[in-house]
């Protein structure tokens, strides 16, 4: 388990702003949080170096990319042994339809978020890439009607300042 890093209110404010728009300039960040641009740069550099900030991501609209149907696949792997799950995880991570993969406790071993073009594509994916694998005992599919992103992510002590807001990631 990784140790948490001490973050002050300025760090938290910077993180809130960057989570809303990672392209915000250091000058704009500094003006918003009330510090010099060089101080802002030093703080962001420290948070990158210590692993608080892991990187920047480009978010795409799956529907506009021809993948308008999203689903969650609950997958049970049997037997649940390292020599079987390693290759399973690596294969699922390489699929262009895979958006996220979670290893779980409980009756299901994995939850896979996928984006496909339509129900026929989803059926092909489940049959060809999941149930055809000898280690996959069961797949349960749930369609996603709509999803929201919540945030920003803050340390537990900072959440007392008020909850974040959730925004729909797809138009209504």
C-alpha atoms as a PDB file:
ATOM      1  CA  UNK A   1       0.000   0.000   0.000  1.00  0.00           C
ATOM      2  CA  UNK A   2       1.303   3.436  -0.917  1.00  0.00           C
ATOM      3  CA  UNK A   3       1.640   6.098   1.734  1.00  0.00           C
ATOM      4  CA  UNK A   4      -0.485   9.169   1.191  1.00  0.00           C
ATOM      5  CA  UNK A   5       1.205  12.521   0.589  1.00  0.00           C
ATOM      6  CA  UNK A   6       0.502  15.604   2.698  1.00  0.00           C
ATOM      7  CA  UNK A   7      -1.357  18.151   0.606  1.00  0.00           C
ATOM      8  CA  UNK A   8      -2.272  21.644   1.755  1.00  0.00           C
ATOM      9  CA  UNK A   9      -5.251  23.725   0.631  1.00  0.00           C
ATOM     10  CA  UNK A  10      -3.287  25.263  -2.273  1.00  0.00           C
ATOM     11  CA  UNK A  11      -2.313  21.790  -3.543  1.00  0.00           C
ATOM     12  CA  UNK A  12      -5.924  20.656  -3.263  1.00  0.00           C
ATOM     13  CA  UNK A  13      -7.159  23.717  -5.122  1.00  0.00           C
ATOM     14  CA  UNK A  14      -4.615  23.079  -7.904  1.00  0.00           C
ATOM     15  CA  UNK A  15      -5.747  19.439  -8.123  1.00  0.00           C
ATOM     16  CA  UNK A  16      -9.428  20.443  -8.314  1.00  0.00           C
ATOM     17  CA  UNK A  17      -8.685  22.832 -11.173  1.00  0.00           C
ATOM     18  CA  UNK A  18      -6.467  20.392 -13.077  1.00  0.00           C
ATOM     19  CA  UNK A  19      -9.040  17.615 -12.768  1.00  0.00           C
ATOM     20  CA  UNK A  20     -11.585  19.896 -14.396  1.00  0.00           C
ATOM     21  CA  UNK A  21      -9.177  20.973 -17.164  1.00  0.00           C
ATOM     22  CA  UNK A  22      -5.696  19.455 -17.307  1.00  0.00           C
ATOM     23  CA  UNK A  23      -4.737  21.951 -20.035  1.00  0.00           C
ATOM     24  CA  UNK A  24      -5.004  24.947 -17.697  1.00  0.00           C
ATOM     25  CA  UNK A  25      -1.811  27.013 -17.911  1.00  0.00           C
ATOM     26  CA  UNK A  26       0.404  27.495 -14.883  1.00  0.00           C
ATOM     27  CA  UNK A  27      -0.232  31.232 -15.119  1.00  0.00           C
ATOM     28  CA  UNK A  28      -4.011  30.698 -14.947  1.00  0.00           C
ATOM     29  CA  UNK A  29      -3.667  28.112 -12.167  1.00  0.00           C
ATOM     30  CA  UNK A  30      -1.443  30.441 -10.169  1.00  0.00           C
ATOM     31  CA  UNK A  31      -3.862  33.353 -10.557  1.00  0.00           C
ATOM     32  CA  UNK A  32      -6.803  31.195  -9.483  1.00  0.00           C
ATOM     33  CA  UNK A  33      -5.100  29.814  -6.360  1.00  0.00           C
ATOM     34  CA  UNK A  34      -3.267  33.038  -5.443  1.00  0.00           C
ATOM     35  CA  UNK A  35       0.393  32.015  -5.808  1.00  0.00           C
ATOM     36  CA  UNK A  36       3.223  32.910  -8.187  1.00  0.00           C
ATOM     37  CA  UNK A  37       3.417  30.887 -11.430  1.00  0.00           C
ATOM     38  CA  UNK A  38       6.825  29.531 -10.379  1.00  0.00           C
ATOM     39  CA  UNK A  39       5.341  28.340  -7.072  1.00  0.00           C
ATOM     40  CA  UNK A  40       2.473  26.706  -8.943  1.00  0.00           C
ATOM     41  CA  UNK A  41       4.923  24.964 -11.272  1.00  0.00           C
ATOM     42  CA  UNK A  42       6.982  23.741  -8.286  1.00  0.00           C
ATOM     43  CA  UNK A  43       3.864  22.343  -6.584  1.00  0.00           C
ATOM     44  CA  UNK A  44       2.629  20.529  -9.701  1.00  0.00           C
ATOM     45  CA  UNK A  45       6.146  19.161 -10.323  1.00  0.00           C
ATOM     46  CA  UNK A  46       6.293  17.886  -6.711  1.00  0.00           C
ATOM     47  CA  UNK A  47       2.872  16.251  -7.044  1.00  0.00           C
ATOM     48  CA  UNK A  48       4.013  14.535 -10.273  1.00  0.00           C
ATOM     49  CA  UNK A  49       7.308  13.411  -8.718  1.00  0.00           C
ATOM     50  CA  UNK A  50       5.585  11.967  -5.632  1.00  0.00           C
ATOM     51  CA  UNK A  51       2.967  10.161  -7.715  1.00  0.00           C
ATOM     52  CA  UNK A  52      -0.077  12.210  -6.712  1.00  0.00           C
ATOM     53  CA  UNK A  53      -0.491  13.269 -10.349  1.00  0.00           C
ATOM     54  CA  UNK A  54      -0.105  10.214 -12.564  1.00  0.00           C
ATOM     55  CA  UNK A  55      -0.527  11.802 -15.965  1.00  0.00           C
ATOM     56  CA  UNK A  56      -2.965  13.470 -18.314  1.00  0.00           C
ATOM     57  CA  UNK A  57      -5.637  11.740 -20.343  1.00  0.00           C
ATOM     58  CA  UNK A  58      -7.542  12.588 -23.453  1.00  0.00           C
ATOM     59  CA  UNK A  59     -11.253  11.781 -23.109  1.00  0.00           C
ATOM     60  CA  UNK A  60     -13.107  10.681 -26.215  1.00  0.00           C
ATOM     61  CA  UNK A  61     -16.805  10.284 -26.890  1.00  0.00           C
ATOM     62  CA  UNK A  62     -17.272   6.556 -27.640  1.00  0.00           C
ATOM     63  CA  UNK A  63     -20.449   7.199 -29.669  1.00  0.00           C
ATOM     64  CA  UNK A  64     -18.654   9.655 -31.952  1.00  0.00           C
ATOM     65  CA  UNK A  65     -15.923   7.020 -32.387  1.00  0.00           C
ATOM     66  CA  UNK A  66     -18.462   4.480 -33.653  1.00  0.00           C
ATOM     67  CA  UNK A  67     -18.827   2.728 -30.296  1.00  0.00           C
ATOM     68  CA  UNK A  68     -22.203   3.994 -29.109  1.00  0.00           C
ATOM     69  CA  UNK A  69     -23.132   0.965 -26.995  1.00  0.00           C
ATOM     70  CA  UNK A  70     -21.363   0.537 -23.667  1.00  0.00           C
ATOM     71  CA  UNK A  71     -21.699  -2.375 -21.283  1.00  0.00           C
ATOM     72  CA  UNK A  72     -20.313  -3.832 -18.073  1.00  0.00           C
ATOM     73  CA  UNK A  73     -19.294  -7.474 -18.254  1.00  0.00           C
ATOM     74  CA  UNK A  74     -19.119  -9.392 -14.967  1.00  0.00           C
ATOM     75  CA  UNK A  75     -16.687 -12.245 -15.525  1.00  0.00           C
ATOM     76  CA  UNK A  76     -16.101 -15.305 -13.378  1.00  0.00           C
ATOM     77  CA  UNK A  77     -12.780 -17.091 -13.936  1.00  0.00           C
ATOM     78  CA  UNK A  78     -12.332 -20.717 -12.833  1.00  0.00           C
ATOM     79  CA  UNK A  79     -10.015 -21.786 -11.478  1.00  0.00           C
ATOM     80  CA  UNK A  80      -8.935 -18.409 -10.189  1.00  0.00           C
ATOM     81  CA  UNK A  81      -5.187 -19.023 -10.319  1.00  0.00           C
ATOM     82  CA  UNK A  82      -2.377 -16.638 -11.168  1.00  0.00           C
ATOM     83  CA  UNK A  83      -1.137 -18.657 -14.154  1.00  0.00           C
ATOM     84  CA  UNK A  84      -4.579 -18.309 -15.769  1.00  0.00           C
ATOM     85  CA  UNK A  85      -5.547 -14.799 -14.763  1.00  0.00           C
ATOM     86  CA  UNK A  86      -2.315 -13.152 -15.935  1.00  0.00           C
ATOM     87  CA  UNK A  87      -2.851 -14.043 -19.606  1.00  0.00           C
ATOM     88  CA  UNK A  88      -6.597 -13.302 -19.272  1.00  0.00           C
ATOM     89  CA  UNK A  89      -5.937  -9.793 -17.923  1.00  0.00           C
ATOM     90  CA  UNK A  90      -3.333  -9.045 -20.584  1.00  0.00           C
ATOM     91  CA  UNK A  91      -5.649 -10.206 -23.386  1.00  0.00           C
ATOM     92  CA  UNK A  92      -8.610  -8.149 -22.133  1.00  0.00           C
ATOM     93  CA  UNK A  93      -6.414  -5.065 -21.756  1.00  0.00           C
ATOM     94  CA  UNK A  94      -5.369  -5.307 -25.422  1.00  0.00           C
ATOM     95  CA  UNK A  95      -8.920  -5.429 -26.798  1.00  0.00           C
ATOM     96  CA  UNK A  96      -9.871  -2.148 -28.493  1.00  0.00           C
ATOM     97  CA  UNK A  97     -13.367  -2.467 -26.972  1.00  0.00           C
ATOM     98  CA  UNK A  98     -12.038  -2.532 -23.375  1.00  0.00           C
ATOM     99  CA  UNK A  99     -12.357   0.765 -21.505  1.00  0.00           C
ATOM    100  CA  UNK A 100     -11.581  -0.376 -17.940  1.00  0.00           C
ATOM    101  CA  UNK A 101     -10.876  -3.619 -16.127  1.00  0.00           C
ATOM    102  CA  UNK A 102     -11.401  -4.212 -12.415  1.00  0.00           C
ATOM    103  CA  UNK A 103     -10.339  -7.226 -10.322  1.00  0.00           C
ATOM    104  CA  UNK A 104     -13.050  -7.799  -7.699  1.00  0.00           C
ATOM    105  CA  UNK A 105     -13.942  -9.688  -4.578  1.00  0.00           C
ATOM    106  CA  UNK A 106     -17.211 -11.618  -4.420  1.00  0.00           C
ATOM    107  CA  UNK A 107     -18.828 -14.033  -6.861  1.00  0.00           C
ATOM    108  CA  UNK A 108     -17.473 -12.243  -9.935  1.00  0.00           C
ATOM    109  CA  UNK A 109     -13.737 -11.955 -10.432  1.00  0.00           C
ATOM    110  CA  UNK A 110     -13.631  -9.140 -12.990  1.00  0.00           C
ATOM    111  CA  UNK A 111     -15.747  -6.249 -14.159  1.00  0.00           C
ATOM    112  CA  UNK A 112     -14.945  -5.073 -17.684  1.00  0.00           C
ATOM    113  CA  UNK A 113     -16.270  -1.806 -19.118  1.00  0.00           C
ATOM    114  CA  UNK A 114     -16.534  -2.161 -22.894  1.00  0.00           C
ATOM    115  CA  UNK A 115     -17.637   0.077 -25.767  1.00  0.00           C
ATOM    116  CA  UNK A 116     -18.919  -1.524 -28.979  1.00  0.00           C
ATOM    117  CA  UNK A 117     -20.793  -0.436 -32.084  1.00  0.00           C
ATOM    118  CA  UNK A 118     -24.058  -2.341 -31.513  1.00  0.00           C
ATOM    119  CA  UNK A 119     -25.606  -5.442 -29.928  1.00  0.00           C
ATOM    120  CA  UNK A 120     -24.228  -7.733 -32.646  1.00  0.00           C
ATOM    121  CA  UNK A 121     -20.726  -6.399 -31.918  1.00  0.00           C
ATOM    122  CA  UNK A 122     -21.299  -6.940 -28.188  1.00  0.00           C
ATOM    123  CA  UNK A 123     -22.414 -10.517 -28.827  1.00  0.00           C
ATOM    124  CA  UNK A 124     -19.339 -11.147 -30.995  1.00  0.00           C
ATOM    125  CA  UNK A 125     -17.074  -9.724 -28.286  1.00  0.00           C
ATOM    126  CA  UNK A 126     -18.614 -11.838 -25.511  1.00  0.00           C
ATOM    127  CA  UNK A 127     -18.562 -15.052 -27.552  1.00  0.00           C
ATOM    128  CA  UNK A 128     -15.205 -14.648 -29.300  1.00  0.00           C
ATOM    129  CA  UNK A 129     -13.120 -12.949 -26.625  1.00  0.00           C
ATOM    130  CA  UNK A 130     -14.655 -14.014 -23.309  1.00  0.00           C
ATOM    131  CA  UNK A 131     -16.706 -17.217 -23.255  1.00  0.00           C
ATOM    132  CA  UNK A 132     -14.375 -18.899 -25.771  1.00  0.00           C
ATOM    133  CA  UNK A 133     -11.554 -18.740 -23.204  1.00  0.00           C
ATOM    134  CA  UNK A 134     -11.213 -21.943 -21.175  1.00  0.00           C
ATOM    135  CA  UNK A 135     -10.716 -20.074 -17.889  1.00  0.00           C
ATOM    136  CA  UNK A 136     -13.936 -18.037 -18.236  1.00  0.00           C
ATOM    137  CA  UNK A 137     -16.739 -19.837 -16.394  1.00  0.00           C
ATOM    138  CA  UNK A 138     -19.443 -17.166 -16.752  1.00  0.00           C
ATOM    139  CA  UNK A 139     -20.090 -13.733 -18.250  1.00  0.00           C
ATOM    140  CA  UNK A 140     -23.012 -11.532 -17.275  1.00  0.00           C
ATOM    141  CA  UNK A 141     -23.683  -8.474 -19.432  1.00  0.00           C
ATOM    142  CA  UNK A 142     -25.275  -5.201 -18.335  1.00  0.00           C
ATOM    143  CA  UNK A 143     -25.895  -2.362 -20.787  1.00  0.00           C
ATOM    144  CA  UNK A 144     -25.016   1.161 -19.720  1.00  0.00           C
ATOM    145  CA  UNK A 145     -27.812   3.625 -20.468  1.00  0.00           C
ATOM    146  CA  UNK A 146     -25.996   6.683 -19.141  1.00  0.00           C
ATOM    147  CA  UNK A 147     -22.972   7.407 -16.986  1.00  0.00           C
ATOM    148  CA  UNK A 148     -21.732  10.300 -14.919  1.00  0.00           C
ATOM    149  CA  UNK A 149     -18.242  11.294 -13.933  1.00  0.00           C
ATOM    150  CA  UNK A 150     -17.872  12.383 -10.359  1.00  0.00           C
ATOM    151  CA  UNK A 151     -15.108  14.339  -8.808  1.00  0.00           C
ATOM    152  CA  UNK A 152     -12.761  15.784  -8.191  1.00  0.00           C
ATOM    153  CA  UNK A 153     -10.862  13.097  -6.281  1.00  0.00           C
ATOM    154  CA  UNK A 154      -9.612  14.499  -2.993  1.00  0.00           C
ATOM    155  CA  UNK A 155      -8.007  12.943   0.084  1.00  0.00           C
ATOM    156  CA  UNK A 156     -10.475  11.896   2.835  1.00  0.00           C
ATOM    157  CA  UNK A 157      -9.603  14.860   5.077  1.00  0.00           C
ATOM    158  CA  UNK A 158     -10.409  17.327   2.274  1.00  0.00           C
ATOM    159  CA  UNK A 159     -13.855  15.900   1.519  1.00  0.00           C
ATOM    160  CA  UNK A 160     -15.250  17.555   4.639  1.00  0.00           C
ATOM    161  CA  UNK A 161     -15.009  20.806   2.677  1.00  0.00           C
ATOM    162  CA  UNK A 162     -17.931  19.653   0.552  1.00  0.00           C
ATOM    163  CA  UNK A 163     -18.824  16.986  -1.968  1.00  0.00           C
ATOM    164  CA  UNK A 164     -17.862  17.145  -5.625  1.00  0.00           C
ATOM    165  CA  UNK A 165     -20.400  17.268  -8.373  1.00  0.00           C
ATOM    166  CA  UNK A 166     -21.248  14.676 -10.957  1.00  0.00           C
ATOM    167  CA  UNK A 167     -21.622  15.490 -14.619  1.00  0.00           C
ATOM    168  CA  UNK A 168     -23.185  13.366 -17.323  1.00  0.00           C
ATOM    169  CA  UNK A 169     -20.512  12.155 -19.703  1.00  0.00           C
ATOM    170  CA  UNK A 170     -23.081  11.689 -22.467  1.00  0.00           C
ATOM    171  CA  UNK A 171     -25.725  14.163 -23.574  1.00  0.00           C
ATOM    172  CA  UNK A 172     -29.272  13.542 -22.313  1.00  0.00           C
END
